Amino acid sequence: MRYLIEGKTPLRNVMWKIRAKTEFEAEEWCRKNGIVLFVDMPSGIKYVLQHQFEAVFFERYFRYLKRKYRAGWEKVFKNFSFDYLVILN
């Protein structure tokens, strides 16, 4: 039985976003930050869940916005982010 997982990000995209030079560096970054790696069996492509990656990737940015804008931080985040509309409570 196969399941379609929406919202997955290939490890190559993670490499680009965290500026890792190798897949090994990206895998280590994911492990250190508690992000689970998955492998698509037929193709062997490694990927992570997009919402999990973005939560870790934007964590410092969220803390900064919460400290600076207090209650209105979500509105500020939505205004300054184009593709990333992950809001964590």
PDB file of N, CA and C in Angstrom:
ATOM      1  N   MET A   1       0.841  -1.173   0.000  1.00  0.00           N
ATOM      2  CA  MET A   1       0.000   0.000   0.000  1.00  0.00           C
ATOM      3  C   MET A   1       0.891   1.242   0.000  1.00  0.00           C
ATOM      4  N   ARG A   2       0.600   2.179  -0.892  1.00  0.00           N
ATOM      5  CA  ARG A   2       1.370   3.422  -0.969  1.00  0.00           C
ATOM      6  C   ARG A   2       0.537   4.577  -0.448  1.00  0.00           C
ATOM      7  N   TYR A   3       1.203   5.482   0.227  1.00  0.00           N
ATOM      8  CA  TYR A   3       0.541   6.671   0.738  1.00  0.00           C
ATOM      9  C   TYR A   3       1.184   7.886   0.089  1.00  0.00           C
ATOM     10  N   LEU A   4       0.375   8.862  -0.273  1.00  0.00           N
ATOM     11  CA  LEU A   4       0.884  10.102  -0.837  1.00  0.00           C
ATOM     12  C   LEU A   4       1.055  11.094   0.307  1.00  0.00           C
ATOM     13  N   ILE A   5       2.254  11.548   0.488  1.00  0.00           N
ATOM     14  CA  ILE A   5       2.525  12.508   1.559  1.00  0.00           C
ATOM     15  C   ILE A   5       2.680  13.877   0.922  1.00  0.00           C
ATOM     16  N   GLU A   6       1.774  14.760   1.257  1.00  0.00           N
ATOM     17  CA  GLU A   6       1.867  16.121   0.756  1.00  0.00           C
ATOM     18  C   GLU A   6       2.729  16.934   1.699  1.00  0.00           C
ATOM     19  N   GLY A   7       3.333  17.958   1.179  1.00  0.00           N
ATOM     20  CA  GLY A   7       4.144  18.835   2.005  1.00  0.00           C
ATOM     21  C   GLY A   7       5.500  18.262   2.337  1.00  0.00           C
ATOM     22  N   LYS A   8       6.081  17.525   1.404  1.00  0.00           N
ATOM     23  CA  LYS A   8       7.424  17.012   1.660  1.00  0.00           C
ATOM     24  C   LYS A   8       8.429  17.827   0.852  1.00  0.00           C
ATOM     25  N   THR A   9       9.612  18.000   1.416  1.00  0.00           N
ATOM     26  CA  THR A   9      10.669  18.779   0.800  1.00  0.00           C
ATOM     27  C   THR A   9      11.869  17.872   0.554  1.00  0.00           C
ATOM     28  N   PRO A  10      12.354  17.799  -0.676  1.00  0.00           N
ATOM     29  CA  PRO A  10      13.545  16.982  -0.946  1.00  0.00           C
ATOM     30  C   PRO A  10      14.766  17.499  -0.178  1.00  0.00           C
ATOM     31  N   LEU A  11      15.649  16.601   0.166  1.00  0.00           N
ATOM     32  CA  LEU A  11      16.846  16.975   0.913  1.00  0.00           C
ATOM     33  C   LEU A  11      17.687  17.991   0.139  1.00  0.00           C
ATOM     34  N   ARG A  12      17.649  17.957  -1.170  1.00  0.00           N
ATOM     35  CA  ARG A  12      18.377  18.944  -1.991  1.00  0.00           C
ATOM     36  C   ARG A  12      17.903  20.367  -1.696  1.00  0.00           C
ATOM     37  N   ASN A  13      16.598  20.530  -1.502  1.00  0.00           N
ATOM     38  CA  ASN A  13      16.076  21.862  -1.166  1.00  0.00           C
ATOM     39  C   ASN A  13      16.530  22.295   0.222  1.00  0.00           C
ATOM     40  N   VAL A  14      16.574  21.348   1.138  1.00  0.00           N
ATOM     41  CA  VAL A  14      17.069  21.639   2.486  1.00  0.00           C
ATOM     42  C   VAL A  14      18.530  22.074   2.404  1.00  0.00           C
ATOM     43  N   MET A  15      19.306  21.371   1.604  1.00  0.00           N
ATOM     44  CA  MET A  15      20.723  21.727   1.429  1.00  0.00           C
ATOM     45  C   MET A  15      20.857  23.172   0.968  1.00  0.00           C
ATOM     46  N   TRP A  16      20.045  23.552   0.005  1.00  0.00           N
ATOM     47  CA  TRP A  16      20.115  24.905  -0.533  1.00  0.00           C
ATOM     48  C   TRP A  16      19.750  25.939   0.526  1.00  0.00           C
ATOM     49  N   LYS A  17      18.697  25.664   1.306  1.00  0.00           N
ATOM     50  CA  LYS A  17      18.226  26.635   2.296  1.00  0.00           C
ATOM     51  C   LYS A  17      19.175  26.801   3.470  1.00  0.00           C
ATOM     52  N   ILE A  18      19.832  25.718   3.879  1.00  0.00           N
ATOM     53  CA  ILE A  18      20.747  25.829   5.029  1.00  0.00           C
ATOM     54  C   ILE A  18      22.186  26.039   4.576  1.00  0.00           C
ATOM     55  N   ARG A  19      22.379  26.115   3.266  1.00  0.00           N
ATOM     56  CA  ARG A  19      23.698  26.344   2.654  1.00  0.00           C
ATOM     57  C   ARG A  19      24.699  25.234   2.978  1.00  0.00           C
ATOM     58  N   ALA A  20      24.218  24.000   2.916  1.00  0.00           N
ATOM     59  CA  ALA A  20      25.088  22.841   3.122  1.00  0.00           C
ATOM     60  C   ALA A  20      25.717  22.456   1.785  1.00  0.00           C
ATOM     61  N   LYS A  21      26.953  22.012   1.830  1.00  0.00           N
ATOM     62  CA  LYS A  21      27.659  21.638   0.601  1.00  0.00           C
ATOM     63  C   LYS A  21      27.393  20.188   0.184  1.00  0.00           C
ATOM     64  N   THR A  22      27.078  19.337   1.148  1.00  0.00           N
ATOM     65  CA  THR A  22      26.855  17.926   0.843  1.00  0.00           C
ATOM     66  C   THR A  22      25.554  17.449   1.486  1.00  0.00           C
ATOM     67  N   GLU A  23      25.060  16.328   0.979  1.00  0.00           N
ATOM     68  CA  GLU A  23      23.868  15.734   1.584  1.00  0.00           C
ATOM     69  C   GLU A  23      24.146  15.297   3.012  1.00  0.00           C
ATOM     70  N   PHE A  24      25.361  14.839   3.263  1.00  0.00           N
ATOM     71  CA  PHE A  24      25.726  14.406   4.613  1.00  0.00           C
ATOM     72  C   PHE A  24      25.587  15.561   5.601  1.00  0.00           C
ATOM     73  N   GLU A  25      26.046  16.766   5.227  1.00  0.00           N
ATOM     74  CA  GLU A  25      25.910  17.935   6.101  1.00  0.00           C
ATOM     75  C   GLU A  25      24.439  18.235   6.377  1.00  0.00           C
ATOM     76  N   ALA A  26      23.610  18.148   5.345  1.00  0.00           N
ATOM     77  CA  ALA A  26      22.178  18.408   5.509  1.00  0.00           C
ATOM     78  C   ALA A  26      21.536  17.355   6.412  1.00  0.00           C
ATOM     79  N   GLU A  27      21.926  16.090   6.236  1.00  0.00           N
ATOM     80  CA  GLU A  27      21.395  15.025   7.089  1.00  0.00           C
ATOM     81  C   GLU A  27      21.779  15.261   8.548  1.00  0.00           C
ATOM     82  N   GLU A  28      23.018  15.636   8.783  1.00  0.00           N
ATOM     83  CA  GLU A  28      23.478  15.909  10.147  1.00  0.00           C
ATOM     84  C   GLU A  28      22.715  17.086  10.752  1.00  0.00           C
ATOM     85  N   TRP A  29      22.502  18.144   9.969  1.00  0.00           N
ATOM     86  CA  TRP A  29      21.757  19.310  10.437  1.00  0.00           C
ATOM     87  C   TRP A  29      20.348  18.887  10.839  1.00  0.00           C
ATOM     88  N   CYS A  30      19.731  18.062  10.012  1.00  0.00           N
ATOM     89  CA  CYS A  30      18.378  17.573  10.314  1.00  0.00           C
ATOM     90  C   CYS A  30      18.365  16.749  11.592  1.00  0.00           C
ATOM     91  N   ARG A  31      19.318  15.853  11.739  1.00  0.00           N
ATOM     92  CA  ARG A  31      19.380  15.019  12.952  1.00  0.00           C
ATOM     93  C   ARG A  31      19.575  15.867  14.199  1.00  0.00           C
ATOM     94  N   LYS A  32      20.484  16.843  14.133  1.00  0.00           N
ATOM     95  CA  LYS A  32      20.747  17.706  15.290  1.00  0.00           C
ATOM     96  C   LYS A  32      19.528  18.525  15.678  1.00  0.00           C
ATOM     97  N   ASN A  33      18.686  18.847  14.705  1.00  0.00           N
ATOM     98  CA  ASN A  33      17.512  19.672  14.960  1.00  0.00           C
ATOM     99  C   ASN A  33      16.229  18.859  15.098  1.00  0.00           C
ATOM    100  N   GLY A  34      16.341  17.544  15.149  1.00  0.00           N
ATOM    101  CA  GLY A  34      15.189  16.692  15.397  1.00  0.00           C
ATOM    102  C   GLY A  34      14.247  16.521  14.219  1.00  0.00           C
ATOM    103  N   ILE A  35      14.743  16.705  13.015  1.00  0.00           N
ATOM    104  CA  ILE A  35      13.927  16.545  11.821  1.00  0.00           C
ATOM    105  C   ILE A  35      14.119  15.126  11.296  1.00  0.00           C
ATOM    106  N   VAL A  36      13.014  14.441  11.054  1.00  0.00           N
ATOM    107  CA  VAL A  36      13.056  13.053  10.605  1.00  0.00           C
ATOM    108  C   VAL A  36      13.263  13.009   9.095  1.00  0.00           C
ATOM    109  N   LEU A  37      14.209  12.177   8.653  1.00  0.00           N
ATOM    110  CA  LEU A  37      14.460  11.978   7.223  1.00  0.00           C
ATOM    111  C   LEU A  37      13.676  10.772   6.732  1.00  0.00           C
ATOM    112  N   PHE A  38      13.101  10.907   5.552  1.00  0.00           N
ATOM    113  CA  PHE A  38      12.389   9.805   4.904  1.00  0.00           C
ATOM    114  C   PHE A  38      13.055   9.511   3.575  1.00  0.00           C
ATOM    115  N   VAL A  39      12.907   8.284   3.094  1.00  0.00           N
ATOM    116  CA  VAL A  39      13.452   7.894   1.799  1.00  0.00           C
ATOM    117  C   VAL A  39      12.328   7.298   0.964  1.00  0.00           C
ATOM    118  N   ASP A  40      12.164   7.830  -0.243  1.00  0.00           N
ATOM    119  CA  ASP A  40      11.197   7.267  -1.180  1.00  0.00           C
ATOM    120  C   ASP A  40      11.817   5.999  -1.745  1.00  0.00           C
ATOM    121  N   MET A  41      11.195   4.863  -1.491  1.00  0.00           N
ATOM    122  CA  MET A  41      11.808   3.576  -1.832  1.00  0.00           C
ATOM    123  C   MET A  41      12.096   3.367  -3.320  1.00  0.00           C
ATOM    124  N   PRO A  42      11.161   3.616  -4.221  1.00  0.00           N
ATOM    125  CA  PRO A  42      11.502   3.337  -5.624  1.00  0.00           C
ATOM    126  C   PRO A  42      12.624   4.223  -6.168  1.00  0.00           C
ATOM    127  N   SER A  43      12.610   5.504  -5.808  1.00  0.00           N
ATOM    128  CA  SER A  43      13.592   6.421  -6.389  1.00  0.00           C
ATOM    129  C   SER A  43      14.820   6.635  -5.504  1.00  0.00           C
ATOM    130  N   GLY A  44      14.695   6.412  -4.213  1.00  0.00           N
ATOM    131  CA  GLY A  44      15.810   6.627  -3.297  1.00  0.00           C
ATOM    132  C   GLY A  44      16.006   8.087  -2.909  1.00  0.00           C
ATOM    133  N   ILE A  45      15.053   8.952  -3.278  1.00  0.00           N
ATOM    134  CA  ILE A  45      15.164  10.378  -2.954  1.00  0.00           C
ATOM    135  C   ILE A  45      14.857  10.577  -1.470  1.00  0.00           C
ATOM    136  N   LYS A  46      15.736  11.314  -0.794  1.00  0.00           N
ATOM    137  CA  LYS A  46      15.539  11.616   0.623  1.00  0.00           C
ATOM    138  C   LYS A  46      14.756  12.909   0.740  1.00  0.00           C
ATOM    139  N   TYR A  47      13.854  12.944   1.722  1.00  0.00           N
ATOM    140  CA  TYR A  47      13.063  14.143   1.924  1.00  0.00           C
ATOM    141  C   TYR A  47      12.688  14.282   3.390  1.00  0.00           C
ATOM    142  N   VAL A  48      12.218  15.481   3.741  1.00  0.00           N
ATOM    143  CA  VAL A  48      11.734  15.782   5.086  1.00  0.00           C
ATOM    144  C   VAL A  48      10.329  16.348   4.954  1.00  0.00           C
ATOM    145  N   LEU A  49       9.595  16.362   6.050  1.00  0.00           N
ATOM    146  CA  LEU A  49       8.279  16.988   6.041  1.00  0.00           C
ATOM    147  C   LEU A  49       8.460  18.504   6.078  1.00  0.00           C
ATOM    148  N   GLN A  50       7.794  19.173   5.166  1.00  0.00           N
ATOM    149  CA  GLN A  50       8.003  20.610   4.989  1.00  0.00           C
ATOM    150  C   GLN A  50       7.658  21.396   6.249  1.00  0.00           C
ATOM    151  N   HIS A  51       6.542  21.099   6.882  1.00  0.00           N
ATOM    152  CA  HIS A  51       6.154  21.870   8.067  1.00  0.00           C
ATOM    153  C   HIS A  51       7.143  21.676   9.211  1.00  0.00           C
ATOM    154  N   GLN A  52       7.702  20.487   9.326  1.00  0.00           N
ATOM    155  CA  GLN A  52       8.680  20.220  10.382  1.00  0.00           C
ATOM    156  C   GLN A  52       9.969  20.990  10.114  1.00  0.00           C
ATOM    157  N   PHE A  53      10.415  20.983   8.853  1.00  0.00           N
ATOM    158  CA  PHE A  53      11.632  21.722   8.495  1.00  0.00           C
ATOM    159  C   PHE A  53      11.445  23.217   8.713  1.00  0.00           C
ATOM    160  N   GLU A  54      10.323  23.767   8.256  1.00  0.00           N
ATOM    161  CA  GLU A  54      10.101  25.202   8.374  1.00  0.00           C
ATOM    162  C   GLU A  54       9.971  25.642   9.823  1.00  0.00           C
ATOM    163  N   ALA A  55       9.397  24.801  10.668  1.00  0.00           N
ATOM    164  CA  ALA A  55       9.282  25.138  12.084  1.00  0.00           C
ATOM    165  C   ALA A  55      10.658  25.313  12.711  1.00  0.00           C
ATOM    166  N   VAL A  56      11.585  24.434  12.373  1.00  0.00           N
ATOM    167  CA  VAL A  56      12.944  24.525  12.911  1.00  0.00           C
ATOM    168  C   VAL A  56      13.710  25.659  12.236  1.00  0.00           C
ATOM    169  N   PHE A  57      13.575  25.767  10.917  1.00  0.00           N
ATOM    170  CA  PHE A  57      14.316  26.757  10.141  1.00  0.00           C
ATOM    171  C   PHE A  57      13.962  28.187  10.555  1.00  0.00           C
ATOM    172  N   PHE A  58      12.685  28.433  10.855  1.00  0.00           N
ATOM    173  CA  PHE A  58      12.230  29.784  11.195  1.00  0.00           C
ATOM    174  C   PHE A  58      12.117  30.031  12.692  1.00  0.00           C
ATOM    175  N   GLU A  59      12.556  29.106  13.504  1.00  0.00           N
ATOM    176  CA  GLU A  59      12.377  29.238  14.952  1.00  0.00           C
ATOM    177  C   GLU A  59      12.998  30.520  15.506  1.00  0.00           C
ATOM    178  N   ARG A  60      14.237  30.815  15.131  1.00  0.00           N
ATOM    179  CA  ARG A  60      14.889  32.042  15.622  1.00  0.00           C
ATOM    180  C   ARG A  60      14.149  33.281  15.129  1.00  0.00           C
ATOM    181  N   TYR A  61      13.695  33.247  13.884  1.00  0.00           N
ATOM    182  CA  TYR A  61      12.952  34.372  13.314  1.00  0.00           C
ATOM    183  C   TYR A  61      11.641  34.578  14.070  1.00  0.00           C
ATOM    184  N   PHE A  62      10.941  33.484  14.399  1.00  0.00           N
ATOM    185  CA  PHE A  62       9.703  33.588  15.168  1.00  0.00           C
ATOM    186  C   PHE A  62       9.961  34.215  16.533  1.00  0.00           C
ATOM    187  N   ARG A  63      11.002  33.749  17.206  1.00  0.00           N
ATOM    188  CA  ARG A  63      11.313  34.303  18.534  1.00  0.00           C
ATOM    189  C   ARG A  63      11.598  35.799  18.454  1.00  0.00           C
ATOM    190  N   TYR A  64      12.340  36.203  17.426  1.00  0.00           N
ATOM    191  CA  TYR A  64      12.651  37.622  17.231  1.00  0.00           C
ATOM    192  C   TYR A  64      11.370  38.430  17.018  1.00  0.00           C
ATOM    193  N   LEU A  65      10.498  37.950  16.139  1.00  0.00           N
ATOM    194  CA  LEU A  65       9.257  38.676  15.867  1.00  0.00           C
ATOM    195  C   LEU A  65       8.365  38.743  17.095  1.00  0.00           C
ATOM    196  N   LYS A  66       8.292  37.649  17.854  1.00  0.00           N
ATOM    197  CA  LYS A  66       7.470  37.644  19.066  1.00  0.00           C
ATOM    198  C   LYS A  66       8.002  38.644  20.085  1.00  0.00           C
ATOM    199  N   ARG A  67       9.328  38.745  20.185  1.00  0.00           N
ATOM    200  CA  ARG A  67       9.934  39.677  21.138  1.00  0.00           C
ATOM    201  C   ARG A  67       9.716  41.123  20.690  1.00  0.00           C
ATOM    202  N   LYS A  68       9.836  41.378  19.400  1.00  0.00           N
ATOM    203  CA  LYS A  68       9.759  42.745  18.899  1.00  0.00           C
ATOM    204  C   LYS A  68       8.325  43.243  18.734  1.00  0.00           C
ATOM    205  N   TYR A  69       7.438  42.402  18.199  1.00  0.00           N
ATOM    206  CA  TYR A  69       6.092  42.858  17.867  1.00  0.00           C
ATOM    207  C   TYR A  69       5.001  42.311  18.787  1.00  0.00           C
ATOM    208  N   ARG A  70       5.361  41.489  19.726  1.00  0.00           N
ATOM    209  CA  ARG A  70       4.439  40.912  20.703  1.00  0.00           C
ATOM    210  C   ARG A  70       3.215  40.276  20.041  1.00  0.00           C
ATOM    211  N   ALA A  71       2.038  40.822  20.245  1.00  0.00           N
ATOM    212  CA  ALA A  71       0.799  40.195  19.780  1.00  0.00           C
ATOM    213  C   ALA A  71       0.644  40.245  18.261  1.00  0.00           C
ATOM    214  N   GLY A  72       1.247  41.207  17.590  1.00  0.00           N
ATOM    215  CA  GLY A  72       1.077  41.349  16.146  1.00  0.00           C
ATOM    216  C   GLY A  72       2.137  40.650  15.320  1.00  0.00           C
ATOM    217  N   TRP A  73       2.880  39.740  15.920  1.00  0.00           N
ATOM    218  CA  TRP A  73       3.996  39.115  15.195  1.00  0.00           C
ATOM    219  C   TRP A  73       3.525  38.278  14.017  1.00  0.00           C
ATOM    220  N   GLU A  74       2.361  37.629  14.129  1.00  0.00           N
ATOM    221  CA  GLU A  74       1.870  36.790  13.030  1.00  0.00           C
ATOM    222  C   GLU A  74       1.553  37.621  11.799  1.00  0.00           C
ATOM    223  N   LYS A  75       0.972  38.799  12.013  1.00  0.00           N
ATOM    224  CA  LYS A  75       0.652  39.683  10.896  1.00  0.00           C
ATOM    225  C   LYS A  75       1.931  40.162  10.209  1.00  0.00           C
ATOM    226  N   VAL A  76       2.931  40.494  10.996  1.00  0.00           N
ATOM    227  CA  VAL A  76       4.218  40.923  10.435  1.00  0.00           C
ATOM    228  C   VAL A  76       4.851  39.791   9.651  1.00  0.00           C
ATOM    229  N   PHE A  77       4.797  38.584  10.197  1.00  0.00           N
ATOM    230  CA  PHE A  77       5.369  37.437   9.511  1.00  0.00           C
ATOM    231  C   PHE A  77       4.666  37.185   8.184  1.00  0.00           C
ATOM    232  N   LYS A  78       3.351  37.266   8.163  1.00  0.00           N
ATOM    233  CA  LYS A  78       2.602  37.061   6.923  1.00  0.00           C
ATOM    234  C   LYS A  78       2.948  38.127   5.884  1.00  0.00           C
ATOM    235  N   ASN A  79       3.162  39.356   6.312  1.00  0.00           N
ATOM    236  CA  ASN A  79       3.481  40.433   5.380  1.00  0.00           C
ATOM    237  C   ASN A  79       4.867  40.292   4.772  1.00  0.00           C
ATOM    238  N   PHE A  80       5.816  39.751   5.514  1.00  0.00           N
ATOM    239  CA  PHE A  80       7.193  39.661   5.033  1.00  0.00           C
ATOM    240  C   PHE A  80       7.564  38.299   4.471  1.00  0.00           C
ATOM    241  N   SER A  81       6.654  37.354   4.502  1.00  0.00           N
ATOM    242  CA  SER A  81       6.968  36.039   3.958  1.00  0.00           C
ATOM    243  C   SER A  81       6.051  35.757   2.795  1.00  0.00           C
ATOM    244  N   PHE A  82       6.628  35.314   1.699  1.00  0.00           N
ATOM    245  CA  PHE A  82       5.853  35.089   0.499  1.00  0.00           C
ATOM    246  C   PHE A  82       5.428  33.628   0.402  1.00  0.00           C
ATOM    247  N   ASP A  83       6.355  32.710   0.457  1.00  0.00           N
ATOM    248  CA  ASP A  83       6.052  31.292   0.318  1.00  0.00           C
ATOM    249  C   ASP A  83       5.854  30.601   1.654  1.00  0.00           C
ATOM    250  N   TYR A  84       6.288  31.219   2.724  1.00  0.00           N
ATOM    251  CA  TYR A  84       6.294  30.554   4.019  1.00  0.00           C
ATOM    252  C   TYR A  84       5.184  31.094   4.888  1.00  0.00           C
ATOM    253  N   LEU A  85       4.062  30.429   4.900  1.00  0.00           N
ATOM    254  CA  LEU A  85       2.933  30.859   5.709  1.00  0.00           C
ATOM    255  C   LEU A  85       2.662  29.852   6.819  1.00  0.00           C
ATOM    256  N   VAL A  86       3.718  29.396   7.452  1.00  0.00           N
ATOM    257  CA  VAL A  86       3.588  28.466   8.557  1.00  0.00           C
ATOM    258  C   VAL A  86       3.507  29.284   9.835  1.00  0.00           C
ATOM    259  N   ILE A  87       2.410  29.210  10.508  1.00  0.00           N
ATOM    260  CA  ILE A  87       2.232  29.936  11.753  1.00  0.00           C
ATOM    261  C   ILE A  87       2.112  28.909  12.882  1.00  0.00           C
ATOM    262  N   LEU A  88       2.991  29.027  13.841  1.00  0.00           N
ATOM    263  CA  LEU A  88       3.000  28.095  14.964  1.00  0.00           C
ATOM    264  C   LEU A  88       2.507  28.806  16.207  1.00  0.00           C
ATOM    265  N   ASN A  89       1.691  28.141  16.952  1.00  0.00           N
ATOM    266  CA  ASN A  89       1.204  28.710  18.220  1.00  0.00           C
ATOM    267  C   ASN A  89       1.922  28.081  19.363  1.00  0.00           C
TER     268      ASN A  89
END
